[in-house]
């Protein structure tokens, strides 16, 4: 299984900043040492043209040049630097690359990404460019170029970060080709929510059982209302009970079950899925890394299942072709 990283593009943060920048490099190190079957690849950088599929050109220009206002940077929560710009491009490029590989192999990951608080014309909540939105738009454009007479590619964004994907919801409001599903803390950031296609607000302290029941219901509803050709899954670690900013009560086992439900649902429906890490702010960074490693273990398991299912289908198609060929030969001799 392939996964894309961009941890070496580290933006400088002041001492005591609450964003856990170190988690990206540590996650890559753990995957490299414990999950050797995962092929780690450097993330490509998203171009201005790719970003402009979602973001206003003036906003892109302001971010890239450093001309973004002080208020805009406060909303994002990072000090401006060229490293911030490059990291944001690479994080978006990683989700684009993961989506492309998912079409070929069923499942592919981004060790970062999930920057769902970025709107078309502004950032917010540690999010500069909206990687899932840009990847969705680019995959739709590439799909249309390859299949000009088919219907548009439907993209399902399954946002299971503890915070609502307000930027993503805003970008795709009233767009029937993208379905935004969000399970999030009802009383958590952002305090002014946008309207997703399906919002599931959860009470503080939400347990494994209540969360998984809500997820099952949400996936069932999404299935009846939308027919996706691609899923982008934000596998946030912040619903974990040990998260500083999460306020929910999910255990490690509950989050493993969450990931299994999403990957199993996509496998059953043969929907390629690109997954990203989104938020994770554990009191101890090791708890966040354990949640993320469990997601990668689960993804790898389902990647093998996807690969096996494709091989079985190919064998079945081959047998069907041979049977038809043999029947045709037999008919010729009648």
C-alpha atoms as a PDB file:
ATOM      1  CA  UNK A   1       0.000   0.000   0.000  1.00  0.00           C
ATOM      2  CA  UNK A   2       1.224   3.495  -0.801  1.00  0.00           C
ATOM      3  CA  UNK A   3       1.129   6.559   1.433  1.00  0.00           C
ATOM      4  CA  UNK A   4       2.440  10.089   0.917  1.00  0.00           C
ATOM      5  CA  UNK A   5       4.373  12.190   3.436  1.00  0.00           C
ATOM      6  CA  UNK A   6       5.455  15.818   3.693  1.00  0.00           C
ATOM      7  CA  UNK A   7       6.865  15.940   7.219  1.00  0.00           C
ATOM      8  CA  UNK A   8      10.256  17.328   6.172  1.00  0.00           C
ATOM      9  CA  UNK A   9       8.544  20.564   5.130  1.00  0.00           C
ATOM     10  CA  UNK A  10       8.251  21.816   8.702  1.00  0.00           C
ATOM     11  CA  UNK A  11       6.971  25.284   9.392  1.00  0.00           C
ATOM     12  CA  UNK A  12       8.691  27.095  12.268  1.00  0.00           C
ATOM     13  CA  UNK A  13       6.404  27.625  15.252  1.00  0.00           C
ATOM     14  CA  UNK A  14       7.005  29.698  18.367  1.00  0.00           C
ATOM     15  CA  UNK A  15       7.853  27.942  21.623  1.00  0.00           C
ATOM     16  CA  UNK A  16       4.732  26.609  23.325  1.00  0.00           C
ATOM     17  CA  UNK A  17       2.548  26.620  20.182  1.00  0.00           C
ATOM     18  CA  UNK A  18      -0.231  24.072  20.667  1.00  0.00           C
ATOM     19  CA  UNK A  19      -0.089  22.560  17.186  1.00  0.00           C
ATOM     20  CA  UNK A  20       1.807  19.213  17.423  1.00  0.00           C
ATOM     21  CA  UNK A  21       3.987  19.578  14.332  1.00  0.00           C
ATOM     22  CA  UNK A  22       6.294  16.743  15.457  1.00  0.00           C
ATOM     23  CA  UNK A  23       3.582  14.111  15.033  1.00  0.00           C
ATOM     24  CA  UNK A  24       4.053  13.918  11.250  1.00  0.00           C
ATOM     25  CA  UNK A  25       7.694  12.901  11.350  1.00  0.00           C
ATOM     26  CA  UNK A  26       7.069  10.524  14.221  1.00  0.00           C
ATOM     27  CA  UNK A  27       4.200   8.857  12.376  1.00  0.00           C
ATOM     28  CA  UNK A  28       6.394   8.341   9.319  1.00  0.00           C
ATOM     29  CA  UNK A  29       9.097   6.808  11.510  1.00  0.00           C
ATOM     30  CA  UNK A  30       6.633   4.408  13.153  1.00  0.00           C
ATOM     31  CA  UNK A  31       5.176   3.305   9.820  1.00  0.00           C
ATOM     32  CA  UNK A  32       8.655   2.786   8.419  1.00  0.00           C
ATOM     33  CA  UNK A  33       9.697   0.631  11.383  1.00  0.00           C
ATOM     34  CA  UNK A  34       6.454  -1.282  12.068  1.00  0.00           C
ATOM     35  CA  UNK A  35       4.543  -1.433   8.765  1.00  0.00           C
ATOM     36  CA  UNK A  36       7.133  -2.269   6.137  1.00  0.00           C
ATOM     37  CA  UNK A  37       4.423  -3.250   3.644  1.00  0.00           C
ATOM     38  CA  UNK A  38       3.528   0.435   3.300  1.00  0.00           C
ATOM     39  CA  UNK A  39       5.486   2.220   0.568  1.00  0.00           C
ATOM     40  CA  UNK A  40       6.169   5.767   1.781  1.00  0.00           C
ATOM     41  CA  UNK A  41       6.458   8.359  -1.001  1.00  0.00           C
ATOM     42  CA  UNK A  42       7.273  12.066  -0.903  1.00  0.00           C
ATOM     43  CA  UNK A  43       4.236  14.227  -1.536  1.00  0.00           C
ATOM     44  CA  UNK A  44       4.161  16.304  -4.716  1.00  0.00           C
ATOM     45  CA  UNK A  45       3.367  20.003  -4.427  1.00  0.00           C
ATOM     46  CA  UNK A  46      -0.011  21.334  -5.526  1.00  0.00           C
ATOM     47  CA  UNK A  47       0.277  24.023  -8.191  1.00  0.00           C
ATOM     48  CA  UNK A  48      -1.492  27.383  -8.189  1.00  0.00           C
ATOM     49  CA  UNK A  49      -3.748  26.065 -10.960  1.00  0.00           C
ATOM     50  CA  UNK A  50      -4.765  23.024  -8.910  1.00  0.00           C
ATOM     51  CA  UNK A  51      -5.420  25.142  -5.832  1.00  0.00           C
ATOM     52  CA  UNK A  52      -7.498  27.537  -7.959  1.00  0.00           C
ATOM     53  CA  UNK A  53     -10.002  24.754  -8.644  1.00  0.00           C
ATOM     54  CA  UNK A  54     -11.263  25.579  -5.136  1.00  0.00           C
ATOM     55  CA  UNK A  55      -9.535  28.690  -3.780  1.00  0.00           C
ATOM     56  CA  UNK A  56      -9.874  32.282  -4.973  1.00  0.00           C
ATOM     57  CA  UNK A  57      -6.801  33.388  -6.954  1.00  0.00           C
ATOM     58  CA  UNK A  58      -6.427  36.490  -4.766  1.00  0.00           C
ATOM     59  CA  UNK A  59      -6.304  34.312  -1.638  1.00  0.00           C
ATOM     60  CA  UNK A  60      -3.722  31.966  -3.165  1.00  0.00           C
ATOM     61  CA  UNK A  61      -1.586  34.933  -4.196  1.00  0.00           C
ATOM     62  CA  UNK A  62      -1.807  36.499  -0.731  1.00  0.00           C
ATOM     63  CA  UNK A  63      -0.806  33.241   0.972  1.00  0.00           C
ATOM     64  CA  UNK A  64       2.082  32.566  -1.395  1.00  0.00           C
ATOM     65  CA  UNK A  65       3.484  36.107  -1.271  1.00  0.00           C
ATOM     66  CA  UNK A  66       2.943  36.674   2.433  1.00  0.00           C
ATOM     67  CA  UNK A  67       0.522  39.512   1.771  1.00  0.00           C
ATOM     68  CA  UNK A  68      -2.276  37.869   3.740  1.00  0.00           C
ATOM     69  CA  UNK A  69      -3.561  40.127   6.509  1.00  0.00           C
ATOM     70  CA  UNK A  70      -2.590  39.780  10.162  1.00  0.00           C
ATOM     71  CA  UNK A  71      -6.225  38.961  10.947  1.00  0.00           C
ATOM     72  CA  UNK A  72      -6.194  36.259   8.283  1.00  0.00           C
ATOM     73  CA  UNK A  73      -3.078  34.699   9.761  1.00  0.00           C
ATOM     74  CA  UNK A  74      -4.554  34.816  13.276  1.00  0.00           C
ATOM     75  CA  UNK A  75      -7.555  32.911  11.934  1.00  0.00           C
ATOM     76  CA  UNK A  76      -5.238  30.281  10.469  1.00  0.00           C
ATOM     77  CA  UNK A  77      -3.253  30.090  13.689  1.00  0.00           C
ATOM     78  CA  UNK A  78       0.253  29.900  12.194  1.00  0.00           C
ATOM     79  CA  UNK A  79       2.843  32.619  11.628  1.00  0.00           C
ATOM     80  CA  UNK A  80       3.471  33.167   7.913  1.00  0.00           C
ATOM     81  CA  UNK A  81       6.622  31.631   6.422  1.00  0.00           C
ATOM     82  CA  UNK A  82       7.671  30.201   3.085  1.00  0.00           C
ATOM     83  CA  UNK A  83       7.818  26.817   4.856  1.00  0.00           C
ATOM     84  CA  UNK A  84       4.144  27.187   5.782  1.00  0.00           C
ATOM     85  CA  UNK A  85       3.276  27.765   2.133  1.00  0.00           C
ATOM     86  CA  UNK A  86       5.330  24.815   0.919  1.00  0.00           C
ATOM     87  CA  UNK A  87       3.969  22.479   3.577  1.00  0.00           C
ATOM     88  CA  UNK A  88       0.398  23.495   2.689  1.00  0.00           C
ATOM     89  CA  UNK A  89       1.059  22.824  -0.993  1.00  0.00           C
ATOM     90  CA  UNK A  90       2.611  19.434  -0.229  1.00  0.00           C
ATOM     91  CA  UNK A  91      -0.167  18.390   2.137  1.00  0.00           C
ATOM     92  CA  UNK A  92      -2.684  19.140  -0.605  1.00  0.00           C
ATOM     93  CA  UNK A  93      -0.529  17.444  -3.225  1.00  0.00           C
ATOM     94  CA  UNK A  94      -0.388  14.335  -1.049  1.00  0.00           C
ATOM     95  CA  UNK A  95      -4.174  14.017  -0.995  1.00  0.00           C
ATOM     96  CA  UNK A  96      -4.310  14.546  -4.764  1.00  0.00           C
ATOM     97  CA  UNK A  97      -1.702  11.804  -5.263  1.00  0.00           C
ATOM     98  CA  UNK A  98      -3.482   9.488  -2.813  1.00  0.00           C
ATOM     99  CA  UNK A  99      -6.766   9.914  -4.696  1.00  0.00           C
ATOM    100  CA  UNK A 100      -5.102   9.053  -8.010  1.00  0.00           C
ATOM    101  CA  UNK A 101      -3.513   5.921  -6.545  1.00  0.00           C
ATOM    102  CA  UNK A 102      -6.812   4.937  -4.891  1.00  0.00           C
ATOM    103  CA  UNK A 103      -8.405   4.631  -8.330  1.00  0.00           C
ATOM    104  CA  UNK A 104      -5.684   2.120  -9.242  1.00  0.00           C
ATOM    105  CA  UNK A 105      -5.278   0.229  -5.959  1.00  0.00           C
ATOM    106  CA  UNK A 106      -8.452   0.834  -3.963  1.00  0.00           C
ATOM    107  CA  UNK A 107      -6.874   2.531  -0.933  1.00  0.00           C
ATOM    108  CA  UNK A 108      -4.103   5.099  -0.465  1.00  0.00           C
ATOM    109  CA  UNK A 109      -3.116   7.417   2.375  1.00  0.00           C
ATOM    110  CA  UNK A 110      -1.739  10.838   3.245  1.00  0.00           C
ATOM    111  CA  UNK A 111       0.181  11.089   6.527  1.00  0.00           C
ATOM    112  CA  UNK A 112      -1.067  14.670   6.864  1.00  0.00           C
ATOM    113  CA  UNK A 113      -4.039  16.441   5.247  1.00  0.00           C
ATOM    114  CA  UNK A 114      -7.580  16.915   6.450  1.00  0.00           C
ATOM    115  CA  UNK A 115      -7.383  20.719   6.358  1.00  0.00           C
ATOM    116  CA  UNK A 116     -11.147  21.079   6.343  1.00  0.00           C
ATOM    117  CA  UNK A 117     -11.436  24.519   7.989  1.00  0.00           C
ATOM    118  CA  UNK A 118     -10.056  26.283   4.913  1.00  0.00           C
ATOM    119  CA  UNK A 119     -12.721  28.096   2.876  1.00  0.00           C
ATOM    120  CA  UNK A 120     -12.438  29.153  -0.758  1.00  0.00           C
ATOM    121  CA  UNK A 121     -11.192  32.587   0.227  1.00  0.00           C
ATOM    122  CA  UNK A 122      -9.752  32.230   3.716  1.00  0.00           C
ATOM    123  CA  UNK A 123      -8.012  29.797   6.040  1.00  0.00           C
ATOM    124  CA  UNK A 124      -8.777  28.877   9.609  1.00  0.00           C
ATOM    125  CA  UNK A 125      -8.085  26.435  12.417  1.00  0.00           C
ATOM    126  CA  UNK A 126      -4.534  25.469  11.320  1.00  0.00           C
ATOM    127  CA  UNK A 127      -5.786  24.999   7.738  1.00  0.00           C
ATOM    128  CA  UNK A 128      -4.419  27.013   4.794  1.00  0.00           C
ATOM    129  CA  UNK A 129      -5.628  25.156   1.681  1.00  0.00           C
ATOM    130  CA  UNK A 130      -8.459  22.604   1.718  1.00  0.00           C
ATOM    131  CA  UNK A 131      -6.737  19.432   0.507  1.00  0.00           C
ATOM    132  CA  UNK A 132      -9.846  17.242   0.297  1.00  0.00           C
ATOM    133  CA  UNK A 133     -11.763  19.861  -1.668  1.00  0.00           C
ATOM    134  CA  UNK A 134      -8.921  20.442  -4.128  1.00  0.00           C
ATOM    135  CA  UNK A 135      -8.416  16.695  -4.612  1.00  0.00           C
ATOM    136  CA  UNK A 136     -12.151  16.191  -5.169  1.00  0.00           C
ATOM    137  CA  UNK A 137     -12.319  18.928  -7.801  1.00  0.00           C
ATOM    138  CA  UNK A 138      -9.178  17.738  -9.602  1.00  0.00           C
ATOM    139  CA  UNK A 139     -10.321  14.107  -9.663  1.00  0.00           C
ATOM    140  CA  UNK A 140     -13.635  15.251 -11.128  1.00  0.00           C
ATOM    141  CA  UNK A 141     -11.839  17.260 -13.828  1.00  0.00           C
ATOM    142  CA  UNK A 142      -9.555  14.353 -14.708  1.00  0.00           C
ATOM    143  CA  UNK A 143     -12.512  11.965 -14.748  1.00  0.00           C
ATOM    144  CA  UNK A 144     -14.408  14.198 -17.177  1.00  0.00           C
ATOM    145  CA  UNK A 145     -11.390  14.460 -19.499  1.00  0.00           C
ATOM    146  CA  UNK A 146     -11.127  10.669 -19.618  1.00  0.00           C
ATOM    147  CA  UNK A 147     -14.886  10.040 -19.727  1.00  0.00           C
ATOM    148  CA  UNK A 148     -16.388  13.051 -21.532  1.00  0.00           C
ATOM    149  CA  UNK A 149     -19.783  11.458 -22.146  1.00  0.00           C
ATOM    150  CA  UNK A 150     -20.280   9.920 -18.690  1.00  0.00           C
ATOM    151  CA  UNK A 151     -21.918  11.562 -15.700  1.00  0.00           C
ATOM    152  CA  UNK A 152     -19.675  13.625 -13.384  1.00  0.00           C
ATOM    153  CA  UNK A 153     -17.633  11.780 -10.802  1.00  0.00           C
ATOM    154  CA  UNK A 154     -19.420  11.758  -7.467  1.00  0.00           C
ATOM    155  CA  UNK A 155     -17.127  12.323  -4.481  1.00  0.00           C
ATOM    156  CA  UNK A 156     -18.125  11.433  -0.930  1.00  0.00           C
ATOM    157  CA  UNK A 157     -16.178  13.226   1.818  1.00  0.00           C
ATOM    158  CA  UNK A 158     -16.426  11.249   5.060  1.00  0.00           C
ATOM    159  CA  UNK A 159     -15.241  13.697   7.706  1.00  0.00           C
ATOM    160  CA  UNK A 160     -14.683  11.965  11.054  1.00  0.00           C
ATOM    161  CA  UNK A 161     -12.447  14.607  12.578  1.00  0.00           C
ATOM    162  CA  UNK A 162     -13.984  15.755  15.877  1.00  0.00           C
ATOM    163  CA  UNK A 163     -14.447  19.279  14.474  1.00  0.00           C
ATOM    164  CA  UNK A 164     -16.972  20.017  11.762  1.00  0.00           C
ATOM    165  CA  UNK A 165     -15.484  20.516   8.300  1.00  0.00           C
ATOM    166  CA  UNK A 166     -16.953  23.991   7.949  1.00  0.00           C
ATOM    167  CA  UNK A 167     -14.722  25.036   5.057  1.00  0.00           C
ATOM    168  CA  UNK A 168     -15.494  21.884   3.086  1.00  0.00           C
ATOM    169  CA  UNK A 169     -19.223  22.222   3.741  1.00  0.00           C
ATOM    170  CA  UNK A 170     -19.166  25.833   2.538  1.00  0.00           C
ATOM    171  CA  UNK A 171     -17.200  25.041  -0.628  1.00  0.00           C
ATOM    172  CA  UNK A 172     -19.582  22.283  -1.722  1.00  0.00           C
ATOM    173  CA  UNK A 173     -22.924  23.691  -0.590  1.00  0.00           C
ATOM    174  CA  UNK A 174     -25.568  23.163  -3.279  1.00  0.00           C
ATOM    175  CA  UNK A 175     -23.165  21.002  -5.321  1.00  0.00           C
ATOM    176  CA  UNK A 176     -24.884  17.695  -6.160  1.00  0.00           C
ATOM    177  CA  UNK A 177     -21.620  16.064  -7.306  1.00  0.00           C
ATOM    178  CA  UNK A 178     -19.960  16.159  -3.861  1.00  0.00           C
ATOM    179  CA  UNK A 179     -21.589  14.787  -0.702  1.00  0.00           C
ATOM    180  CA  UNK A 180     -20.198  16.078   2.595  1.00  0.00           C
ATOM    181  CA  UNK A 181     -20.761  13.902   5.664  1.00  0.00           C
ATOM    182  CA  UNK A 182     -19.530  15.118   9.059  1.00  0.00           C
ATOM    183  CA  UNK A 183     -19.663  13.513  12.512  1.00  0.00           C
ATOM    184  CA  UNK A 184     -18.424  16.081  15.017  1.00  0.00           C
ATOM    185  CA  UNK A 185     -18.685  17.454  18.521  1.00  0.00           C
ATOM    186  CA  UNK A 186     -21.823  19.574  18.745  1.00  0.00           C
ATOM    187  CA  UNK A 187     -20.264  22.072  21.157  1.00  0.00           C
ATOM    188  CA  UNK A 188     -16.759  22.046  19.720  1.00  0.00           C
ATOM    189  CA  UNK A 189     -14.941  24.332  17.253  1.00  0.00           C
ATOM    190  CA  UNK A 190     -16.048  25.812  14.900  1.00  0.00           C
ATOM    191  CA  UNK A 191     -18.738  27.417  17.015  1.00  0.00           C
ATOM    192  CA  UNK A 192     -20.481  28.708  13.901  1.00  0.00           C
ATOM    193  CA  UNK A 193     -21.130  25.590  11.856  1.00  0.00           C
ATOM    194  CA  UNK A 194     -21.807  25.448   8.128  1.00  0.00           C
ATOM    195  CA  UNK A 195     -24.359  23.077   6.602  1.00  0.00           C
ATOM    196  CA  UNK A 196     -22.982  19.800   5.275  1.00  0.00           C
ATOM    197  CA  UNK A 197     -25.082  17.428   3.187  1.00  0.00           C
ATOM    198  CA  UNK A 198     -25.285  15.313   6.337  1.00  0.00           C
ATOM    199  CA  UNK A 199     -24.268  16.665   9.750  1.00  0.00           C
ATOM    200  CA  UNK A 200     -24.262  14.425  12.825  1.00  0.00           C
ATOM    201  CA  UNK A 201     -23.587  16.518  15.961  1.00  0.00           C
ATOM    202  CA  UNK A 202     -22.402  14.486  18.952  1.00  0.00           C
ATOM    203  CA  UNK A 203     -22.662  15.235  22.652  1.00  0.00           C
ATOM    204  CA  UNK A 204     -19.589  15.769  24.819  1.00  0.00           C
ATOM    205  CA  UNK A 205     -18.329  12.440  26.180  1.00  0.00           C
ATOM    206  CA  UNK A 206     -19.939  10.439  23.356  1.00  0.00           C
ATOM    207  CA  UNK A 207     -19.113   6.742  23.863  1.00  0.00           C
ATOM    208  CA  UNK A 208     -17.918   4.098  21.415  1.00  0.00           C
ATOM    209  CA  UNK A 209     -21.375   2.540  21.124  1.00  0.00           C
ATOM    210  CA  UNK A 210     -23.206   5.814  20.487  1.00  0.00           C
ATOM    211  CA  UNK A 211     -20.581   6.990  18.003  1.00  0.00           C
ATOM    212  CA  UNK A 212     -20.566   3.756  15.999  1.00  0.00           C
ATOM    213  CA  UNK A 213     -24.363   3.649  15.897  1.00  0.00           C
ATOM    214  CA  UNK A 214     -24.382   7.229  14.583  1.00  0.00           C
ATOM    215  CA  UNK A 215     -21.755   6.346  11.971  1.00  0.00           C
ATOM    216  CA  UNK A 216     -23.716   3.298  10.807  1.00  0.00           C
ATOM    217  CA  UNK A 217     -26.829   5.428  10.409  1.00  0.00           C
ATOM    218  CA  UNK A 218     -24.918   8.145   8.566  1.00  0.00           C
ATOM    219  CA  UNK A 219     -23.329   5.739   6.066  1.00  0.00           C
ATOM    220  CA  UNK A 220     -26.740   4.141   5.472  1.00  0.00           C
ATOM    221  CA  UNK A 221     -28.293   7.546   4.774  1.00  0.00           C
ATOM    222  CA  UNK A 222     -25.421   8.573   2.505  1.00  0.00           C
ATOM    223  CA  UNK A 223     -25.882   5.350   0.550  1.00  0.00           C
ATOM    224  CA  UNK A 224     -29.520   6.146  -0.164  1.00  0.00           C
ATOM    225  CA  UNK A 225     -28.870   9.770  -1.139  1.00  0.00           C
ATOM    226  CA  UNK A 226     -25.637   9.607  -3.122  1.00  0.00           C
ATOM    227  CA  UNK A 227     -23.744   7.342  -5.529  1.00  0.00           C
ATOM    228  CA  UNK A 228     -20.006   8.048  -5.131  1.00  0.00           C
ATOM    229  CA  UNK A 229     -17.191   6.993  -7.416  1.00  0.00           C
ATOM    230  CA  UNK A 230     -14.553   8.125  -4.916  1.00  0.00           C
ATOM    231  CA  UNK A 231     -14.416   8.597  -1.148  1.00  0.00           C
ATOM    232  CA  UNK A 232     -12.065  10.891   0.761  1.00  0.00           C
ATOM    233  CA  UNK A 233     -11.903   9.863   4.417  1.00  0.00           C
ATOM    234  CA  UNK A 234     -10.732  12.240   7.149  1.00  0.00           C
ATOM    235  CA  UNK A 235      -9.658   9.792   9.859  1.00  0.00           C
ATOM    236  CA  UNK A 236      -9.165  12.269  12.681  1.00  0.00           C
ATOM    237  CA  UNK A 237      -7.499  11.007  15.851  1.00  0.00           C
ATOM    238  CA  UNK A 238      -9.154  13.739  17.927  1.00  0.00           C
ATOM    239  CA  UNK A 239     -12.375  11.863  18.846  1.00  0.00           C
ATOM    240  CA  UNK A 240     -10.099   9.843  21.172  1.00  0.00           C
ATOM    241  CA  UNK A 241     -10.803  10.199  24.891  1.00  0.00           C
ATOM    242  CA  UNK A 242      -7.204  11.356  25.460  1.00  0.00           C
ATOM    243  CA  UNK A 243      -7.370  14.308  23.065  1.00  0.00           C
ATOM    244  CA  UNK A 244      -6.872  17.849  24.425  1.00  0.00           C
ATOM    245  CA  UNK A 245      -9.348  19.414  22.002  1.00  0.00           C
ATOM    246  CA  UNK A 246     -11.743  16.563  21.314  1.00  0.00           C
ATOM    247  CA  UNK A 247     -14.220  16.334  24.229  1.00  0.00           C
ATOM    248  CA  UNK A 248     -15.547  12.956  23.033  1.00  0.00           C
ATOM    249  CA  UNK A 249     -14.982   9.620  24.779  1.00  0.00           C
ATOM    250  CA  UNK A 250     -13.869   7.132  22.132  1.00  0.00           C
ATOM    251  CA  UNK A 251     -11.379   4.412  23.054  1.00  0.00           C
ATOM    252  CA  UNK A 252      -8.648   2.961  20.861  1.00  0.00           C
ATOM    253  CA  UNK A 253     -10.949   0.007  20.113  1.00  0.00           C
ATOM    254  CA  UNK A 254     -13.804   2.333  19.243  1.00  0.00           C
ATOM    255  CA  UNK A 255     -11.659   4.211  16.736  1.00  0.00           C
ATOM    256  CA  UNK A 256     -10.395   0.962  15.203  1.00  0.00           C
ATOM    257  CA  UNK A 257     -14.042  -0.098  14.778  1.00  0.00           C
ATOM    258  CA  UNK A 258     -14.762   3.291  13.196  1.00  0.00           C
ATOM    259  CA  UNK A 259     -11.989   2.810  10.633  1.00  0.00           C
ATOM    260  CA  UNK A 260     -13.094  -0.757   9.936  1.00  0.00           C
ATOM    261  CA  UNK A 261     -16.640   0.398   9.247  1.00  0.00           C
ATOM    262  CA  UNK A 262     -15.505   3.047   6.768  1.00  0.00           C
ATOM    263  CA  UNK A 263     -13.029   0.843   4.885  1.00  0.00           C
ATOM    264  CA  UNK A 264     -15.430  -2.114   4.895  1.00  0.00           C
ATOM    265  CA  UNK A 265     -18.254   0.057   3.563  1.00  0.00           C
ATOM    266  CA  UNK A 266     -16.030   1.331   0.750  1.00  0.00           C
ATOM    267  CA  UNK A 267     -14.728  -2.161  -0.046  1.00  0.00           C
ATOM    268  CA  UNK A 268     -18.228  -3.635  -0.138  1.00  0.00           C
ATOM    269  CA  UNK A 269     -19.381  -0.930  -2.556  1.00  0.00           C
ATOM    270  CA  UNK A 270     -16.100  -0.925  -4.522  1.00  0.00           C
ATOM    271  CA  UNK A 271     -15.541   2.769  -3.852  1.00  0.00           C
ATOM    272  CA  UNK A 272     -11.857   3.793  -4.017  1.00  0.00           C
ATOM    273  CA  UNK A 273     -10.858   5.672  -0.875  1.00  0.00           C
ATOM    274  CA  UNK A 274      -8.090   8.165  -0.183  1.00  0.00           C
ATOM    275  CA  UNK A 275      -7.633   8.691   3.547  1.00  0.00           C
ATOM    276  CA  UNK A 276      -5.939  11.506   5.467  1.00  0.00           C
ATOM    277  CA  UNK A 277      -5.007  11.981   9.116  1.00  0.00           C
ATOM    278  CA  UNK A 278      -6.763  15.282   9.956  1.00  0.00           C
ATOM    279  CA  UNK A 279      -6.668  16.353  13.630  1.00  0.00           C
ATOM    280  CA  UNK A 280      -5.029  14.828  16.668  1.00  0.00           C
ATOM    281  CA  UNK A 281      -3.986  16.749  19.785  1.00  0.00           C
ATOM    282  CA  UNK A 282      -3.394  14.180  22.498  1.00  0.00           C
ATOM    283  CA  UNK A 283      -2.267  15.284  25.960  1.00  0.00           C
ATOM    284  CA  UNK A 284       0.475  12.797  25.209  1.00  0.00           C
ATOM    285  CA  UNK A 285       1.460  12.749  21.536  1.00  0.00           C
ATOM    286  CA  UNK A 286       1.873   8.974  21.799  1.00  0.00           C
ATOM    287  CA  UNK A 287      -1.901   8.549  22.105  1.00  0.00           C
ATOM    288  CA  UNK A 288      -2.450  10.435  18.849  1.00  0.00           C
ATOM    289  CA  UNK A 289       0.229   8.372  17.122  1.00  0.00           C
ATOM    290  CA  UNK A 290      -1.316   5.132  18.369  1.00  0.00           C
ATOM    291  CA  UNK A 291      -4.707   6.104  16.918  1.00  0.00           C
ATOM    292  CA  UNK A 292      -3.066   6.994  13.606  1.00  0.00           C
ATOM    293  CA  UNK A 293      -1.023   3.798  13.504  1.00  0.00           C
ATOM    294  CA  UNK A 294      -4.196   1.811  14.137  1.00  0.00           C
ATOM    295  CA  UNK A 295      -5.776   3.569  11.162  1.00  0.00           C
ATOM    296  CA  UNK A 296      -2.819   2.602   8.985  1.00  0.00           C
ATOM    297  CA  UNK A 297      -2.921  -1.005  10.232  1.00  0.00           C
ATOM    298  CA  UNK A 298      -6.613  -1.168   9.379  1.00  0.00           C
ATOM    299  CA  UNK A 299      -6.098   0.485   5.983  1.00  0.00           C
ATOM    300  CA  UNK A 300      -3.350  -2.003   5.131  1.00  0.00           C
ATOM    301  CA  UNK A 301      -5.618  -4.902   6.087  1.00  0.00           C
ATOM    302  CA  UNK A 302      -8.350  -3.609   3.787  1.00  0.00           C
ATOM    303  CA  UNK A 303      -5.882  -2.840   1.011  1.00  0.00           C
ATOM    304  CA  UNK A 304      -5.000  -6.552   1.005  1.00  0.00           C
ATOM    305  CA  UNK A 305      -8.714  -7.415   0.949  1.00  0.00           C
ATOM    306  CA  UNK A 306      -9.264  -5.005  -1.946  1.00  0.00           C
ATOM    307  CA  UNK A 307      -6.358  -6.551  -3.845  1.00  0.00           C
ATOM    308  CA  UNK A 308      -7.728 -10.061  -3.254  1.00  0.00           C
ATOM    309  CA  UNK A 309     -11.216  -9.075  -4.382  1.00  0.00           C
ATOM    310  CA  UNK A 310      -9.813  -7.603  -7.614  1.00  0.00           C
ATOM    311  CA  UNK A 311      -7.829 -10.780  -8.289  1.00  0.00           C
ATOM    312  CA  UNK A 312     -10.938 -12.915  -7.717  1.00  0.00           C
ATOM    313  CA  UNK A 313     -12.941 -10.720 -10.099  1.00  0.00           C
ATOM    314  CA  UNK A 314     -10.231 -10.995 -12.752  1.00  0.00           C
ATOM    315  CA  UNK A 315     -10.188 -14.795 -12.401  1.00  0.00           C
ATOM    316  CA  UNK A 316     -13.985 -14.889 -12.649  1.00  0.00           C
ATOM    317  CA  UNK A 317     -13.949 -12.656 -15.730  1.00  0.00           C
ATOM    318  CA  UNK A 318     -11.268 -14.864 -17.284  1.00  0.00           C
ATOM    319  CA  UNK A 319     -13.283 -18.027 -16.649  1.00  0.00           C
ATOM    320  CA  UNK A 320     -16.415 -16.380 -18.045  1.00  0.00           C
ATOM    321  CA  UNK A 321     -14.507 -15.300 -21.159  1.00  0.00           C
ATOM    322  CA  UNK A 322     -13.070 -18.798 -21.637  1.00  0.00           C
ATOM    323  CA  UNK A 323     -16.479 -20.425 -21.182  1.00  0.00           C
ATOM    324  CA  UNK A 324     -17.996 -18.137 -23.783  1.00  0.00           C
ATOM    325  CA  UNK A 325     -15.086 -18.796 -26.137  1.00  0.00           C
ATOM    326  CA  UNK A 326     -15.406 -22.576 -25.686  1.00  0.00           C
ATOM    327  CA  UNK A 327     -19.184 -22.407 -26.225  1.00  0.00           C
ATOM    328  CA  UNK A 328     -18.631 -20.447 -29.410  1.00  0.00           C
ATOM    329  CA  UNK A 329     -16.179 -23.053 -30.681  1.00  0.00           C
ATOM    330  CA  UNK A 330     -18.627 -25.826 -29.811  1.00  0.00           C
ATOM    331  CA  UNK A 331     -21.418 -24.027 -31.654  1.00  0.00           C
ATOM    332  CA  UNK A 332     -19.177 -23.756 -34.742  1.00  0.00           C
ATOM    333  CA  UNK A 333     -18.865 -27.539 -34.874  1.00  0.00           C
ATOM    334  CA  UNK A 334     -22.556 -28.250 -34.522  1.00  0.00           C
END
